[in-house]
Protein backbone atom coordinates (compact mmCIF):
# COMPACT_ATOMS: atom_id res chain seq x y z
CA MET A 1 -0.27 -0.18 -0.10
CA ASN A 2 1.09 3.56 -0.93
CA PRO A 3 2.22 5.93 1.83
CA VAL A 4 -0.74 8.74 2.03
CA ILE A 5 0.27 12.17 2.53
CA LEU A 6 -2.24 14.85 3.20
CA VAL A 7 -1.16 18.14 1.85
CA ILE A 8 -2.93 21.04 3.42
CA GLU A 9 -2.71 23.94 0.70
CA ASP A 10 -4.88 26.74 -0.29
CA ASN A 11 -3.14 27.44 -3.64
CA GLU A 12 -4.28 25.47 -6.34
CA GLN A 13 -1.03 25.67 -8.45
CA ASN A 14 1.21 24.52 -5.38
CA LEU A 15 -1.09 22.00 -4.77
CA TYR A 16 -1.23 20.56 -8.18
CA LEU A 17 2.68 20.54 -8.37
CA MET A 18 3.08 19.00 -5.08
CA ARG A 19 0.25 16.40 -6.07
CA PHE A 20 1.86 15.55 -9.30
CA LEU A 21 5.43 15.11 -7.96
CA LEU A 22 4.11 12.85 -5.00
CA GLU A 23 1.83 10.71 -7.07
CA LYS A 24 4.67 10.30 -9.68
CA ASN A 25 6.83 8.93 -7.06
CA GLY A 26 4.40 6.49 -5.76
CA PHE A 27 2.65 8.33 -2.84
CA THR A 28 -1.11 8.63 -2.47
CA VAL A 29 -2.33 12.31 -2.02
CA ILE A 30 -5.31 13.56 -0.35
CA ASP A 31 -5.85 17.36 0.27
CA ALA A 32 -7.45 20.11 2.15
CA MET A 33 -7.87 23.81 1.25
CA ASP A 34 -8.15 25.27 4.43
CA GLY A 35 -7.00 24.87 7.98
CA GLU A 36 -10.08 23.53 9.56
CA LYS A 37 -10.67 21.00 6.61
CA GLY A 38 -7.12 19.86 6.96
CA VAL A 39 -7.50 19.10 10.70
CA GLU A 40 -10.77 17.06 9.87
CA THR A 41 -9.30 15.25 7.13
CA ALA A 42 -6.21 14.43 9.10
CA LYS A 43 -8.64 12.89 11.78
CA LYS A 44 -10.40 10.76 9.22
CA ASN A 45 -7.69 9.49 7.06
CA LYS A 46 -4.63 9.28 9.40
CA PRO A 47 -2.27 9.85 6.61
CA ASP A 48 1.40 8.95 7.04
CA LEU A 49 2.89 12.49 6.82
CA ILE A 50 1.37 15.93 6.57
CA LEU A 51 2.78 18.81 4.39
CA LEU A 52 1.24 22.00 5.82
CA ASP A 53 1.03 25.23 4.47
CA ILE A 54 1.17 28.46 6.95
CA GLN A 55 -0.86 31.06 5.45
CA LEU A 56 -4.41 29.19 5.17
CA PRO A 57 -7.94 30.56 5.31
CA LYS A 58 -10.12 29.83 8.53
CA MET A 59 -7.05 28.47 10.58
CA ASP A 60 -3.48 29.26 10.14
CA GLY A 61 -0.82 26.58 10.10
CA TYR A 62 0.35 27.17 13.07
CA ALA A 63 -3.23 26.72 14.86
CA VAL A 64 -3.40 23.33 12.66
CA ALA A 65 -0.12 22.21 13.78
CA ARG A 66 -0.87 22.68 17.32
CA GLU A 67 -4.48 21.01 16.99
CA LEU A 68 -2.93 18.00 15.18
CA ARG A 69 -0.41 17.40 18.07
CA LYS A 70 -3.61 17.07 20.41
CA ILE A 71 -4.91 14.41 18.72
CA SER A 72 -3.43 10.89 19.84
CA ASP A 73 -3.99 8.99 16.97
CA LEU A 74 -1.83 11.89 15.00
CA ALA A 75 0.71 12.68 17.70
CA SER A 76 3.78 10.55 15.81
CA THR A 77 2.69 11.65 12.35
CA PRO A 78 5.48 13.75 10.89
CA ILE A 79 4.21 17.39 9.90
CA VAL A 80 6.14 19.27 7.39
CA ALA A 81 5.58 23.03 6.90
CA VAL A 82 5.74 24.09 3.30
CA THR A 83 5.86 27.89 3.37
CA SER A 84 7.07 31.21 1.82
CA TYR A 85 7.69 31.94 5.34
CA ALA A 86 11.62 32.57 5.39
CA MET A 87 12.34 35.35 7.77
CA VAL A 88 14.39 35.04 10.67
CA GLY A 89 12.54 32.94 13.36
CA ASP A 90 9.83 31.68 11.02
CA ARG A 91 11.55 28.15 11.16
CA GLU A 92 11.70 27.98 15.01
CA LYS A 93 8.12 29.18 15.29
CA VAL A 94 6.75 26.29 12.89
CA LEU A 95 8.69 23.88 14.63
CA ALA A 96 7.47 25.23 18.15
CA ALA A 97 4.00 24.86 16.84
CA GLY A 98 4.32 21.01 16.18
CA ALA A 99 6.06 20.56 12.76
CA ASP A 100 8.69 18.13 12.38
CA GLY A 101 10.32 20.09 9.34
CA TYR A 102 10.20 23.03 7.03
CA ILE A 103 10.84 23.25 3.47
CA GLU A 104 10.70 26.57 1.84
CA LYS A 105 8.49 27.85 -1.47
CA PRO A 106 8.97 27.84 -4.00
CA ILE A 107 9.56 23.98 -3.93
CA ASP A 108 12.52 22.57 -5.85
CA PRO A 109 10.86 20.08 -7.99
CA GLU A 110 14.25 18.30 -8.08
CA LYS A 111 14.67 18.06 -4.59
CA PHE A 112 11.06 18.08 -3.11
CA VAL A 113 10.48 14.37 -2.86
CA GLU A 114 13.66 13.42 -1.48
CA GLN A 115 12.94 16.05 1.25
CA ILE A 116 9.82 14.55 1.70
CA LYS A 117 11.13 10.96 2.28
CA GLN A 118 13.53 11.86 5.04
CA PHE A 119 10.56 12.66 7.27
CA MET A 120 8.72 9.30 6.47
CA VAL A 121 8.81 6.79 9.17
CA PRO A 122 9.97 3.49 7.93
CA VAL A 123 7.22 0.87 7.53
CA LYS A 124 7.84 -2.15 9.85
CA THR A 125 7.61 -5.11 7.92
CA LEU A 126 6.57 -8.71 9.64
């Protein structure tokens, strides 16, 4: 079964690019276009990894990360912020909110999937 990645992103072009790159490399992608829907989708689907924009409607990425970390079923799910926030202190703020990693936009299509794989928890086989 392919690893499932939830992409919480409100920009359709960014979402399209991430979906294309991830699906091309064997991932199953589900998405949400705002923060509230992202939390609901994560609860319902329990993805293997969550890619999280910070500038989102209804609930920003910081609030989404904090909310996701309160959900026991998602406590160990890696959250990677994919954001254009690149000022001094932004990375630390994202990590303090509960994200495990940080990728700056615009993403580099040549490196993106490898960056994502670094955060994937190895699947245990019997």
